[in-house]
Protein backbone atom coordinates (compact mmCIF):
# COMPACT_ATOMS: atom_id res chain seq x y z
CA MET A 1 28.38 -29.65 53.92
CA ILE A 2 27.18 -32.93 52.08
CA TYR A 3 23.93 -31.99 49.40
CA TYR A 4 21.96 -34.63 49.06
CA LEU A 5 20.77 -34.56 45.04
CA PRO A 6 16.93 -34.76 45.81
CA GLU A 7 17.30 -31.83 47.81
CA VAL A 8 19.32 -29.51 45.18
CA LYS A 9 17.18 -30.51 42.45
CA SER A 10 14.02 -29.37 44.44
CA VAL A 11 15.81 -25.85 44.95
CA LEU A 12 17.48 -25.76 41.41
CA LYS A 13 14.12 -26.62 39.56
CA PRO A 14 11.91 -23.67 40.34
CA LEU A 15 14.89 -21.42 39.61
CA LEU A 16 15.95 -22.89 36.39
CA LEU A 17 12.10 -22.71 35.50
CA ALA A 18 11.85 -18.70 36.13
CA ALA A 19 15.26 -18.33 34.50
CA LEU A 20 13.69 -20.11 31.13
CA GLY A 21 10.42 -18.24 31.46
CA SER A 22 12.56 -14.87 32.16
CA LEU A 23 14.17 -15.71 28.34
CA ILE A 24 11.07 -16.82 26.65
CA ALA A 25 8.53 -14.42 27.68
CA PRO A 26 10.83 -11.27 26.12
CA ALA A 27 11.27 -13.58 23.00
CA ILE A 28 7.49 -13.82 22.60
CA ALA A 29 6.97 -10.36 23.09
CA ILE A 30 9.62 -9.41 20.42
CA GLU A 31 8.14 -11.36 17.58
CA ILE A 32 4.50 -10.14 18.51
CA MET A 33 6.23 -6.72 17.96
CA VAL A 34 8.15 -7.76 14.80
CA PHE A 35 4.65 -9.36 13.59
CA HIS A 36 2.65 -6.22 14.33
CA GLY A 37 5.30 -3.93 12.66
CA HIS A 38 5.21 -6.14 9.67
CA SER A 39 1.68 -6.04 9.26
CA GLN A 40 1.84 -2.27 9.35
CA LEU A 41 4.66 -2.02 6.71
CA ARG A 42 2.16 -4.44 4.54
CA ALA A 43 -0.74 -2.03 4.70
CA ASN A 44 1.79 1.21 4.00
CA THR A 45 2.91 -0.53 1.21
CA ASP A 46 -0.36 -1.58 -0.44
CA LYS A 47 -1.70 2.11 0.37
CA VAL A 48 1.56 3.07 -1.09
CA SER A 49 0.68 1.27 -4.11
CA GLN A 50 -2.66 2.25 -4.55
CA SER A 51 -1.73 6.07 -4.60
CA GLN A 52 1.06 5.72 -7.16
CA GLU A 53 -1.80 4.05 -9.36
CA THR A 54 -4.02 7.03 -8.55
CA ILE A 55 -1.23 9.49 -9.39
CA PHE A 56 -0.57 7.69 -12.61
CA ALA A 57 -3.99 7.43 -13.68
CA THR A 58 -4.50 11.44 -13.10
CA GLU A 59 -1.47 12.15 -15.03
CA ASP A 60 -3.62 11.25 -18.44
CA ILE A 61 -6.34 13.68 -17.62
CA PRO A 62 -4.76 16.84 -18.52
CA ARG A 63 -3.57 15.01 -21.46
CA SER A 64 -6.99 14.17 -22.60
CA ILE A 65 -8.36 17.45 -21.66
CA LEU A 66 -5.92 18.97 -23.91
CA SER A 67 -6.40 16.82 -27.13
CA THR A 68 -10.24 17.62 -26.62
CA GLU A 69 -9.80 21.54 -26.70
CA ALA A 70 -7.38 21.08 -29.65
CA GLY A 71 -9.88 19.28 -31.52
CA GLU A 72 -12.46 21.44 -30.51
CA ARG A 73 -10.90 24.71 -31.12
CA GLY A 74 -10.06 23.17 -34.35
CA PHE A 75 -13.59 22.63 -35.30
CA VAL A 76 -14.95 25.91 -34.11
CA ILE A 77 -12.03 27.61 -36.44
CA SER A 78 -12.32 25.42 -39.32
CA ALA A 79 -15.61 23.81 -39.30
CA GLY A 80 -13.83 20.75 -40.37
CA GLU A 81 -15.15 17.35 -39.62
CA ALA A 82 -11.38 15.93 -39.35
CA PHE A 83 -10.57 18.22 -36.15
CA LEU A 84 -13.67 16.04 -34.29
CA GLU A 85 -11.48 12.92 -33.86
CA PRO A 86 -9.11 14.24 -31.42
CA TYR A 87 -12.15 15.69 -29.67
CA ARG A 88 -13.56 12.46 -29.70
CA LEU A 89 -10.12 10.20 -29.00
CA GLY A 90 -9.63 13.10 -26.10
CA ARG A 91 -13.38 12.63 -24.53
CA GLU A 92 -13.01 8.68 -24.52
CA ALA A 93 -9.28 9.20 -22.96
CA LEU A 94 -10.62 11.30 -20.11
CA ALA A 95 -13.47 9.11 -19.25
CA ALA A 96 -11.00 5.94 -19.19
CA ALA A 97 -8.69 8.10 -17.26
CA ARG A 98 -11.14 9.09 -14.82
CA GLU A 99 -12.26 5.73 -14.60
CA ARG A 100 -8.89 4.19 -13.71
CA SER A 101 -8.35 7.21 -11.14
CA ASP A 102 -11.73 6.47 -9.59
CA ASN A 103 -11.02 2.45 -9.44
CA SER A 104 -7.46 3.28 -7.93
CA ALA A 105 -8.13 5.40 -5.64
CA VAL A 106 -7.12 5.19 -1.86
CA THR A 107 -9.96 4.62 0.55
């Protein structure tokens, strides 16, 4: 049996296109899934960074409160103006820590 080249081409062309399409379609689907996964990873990484900033900012709050309390207690016991300095510094540090905490809070 002798095959003529134009007949073979006409039969093979749709088969080759179908085979090529069956290879390209999954590759495109995989690329879309990888891109979507990367976008989610990036968003989650940003949220983790914001959470860490909030944690670091809130760690200063107890120290500021302790400093404020110590200054207040020292002033009440001794009536010495020198004890008001830790109180003032503690209040300033507390305000700054609260502001950092509020600014870095995850939304």
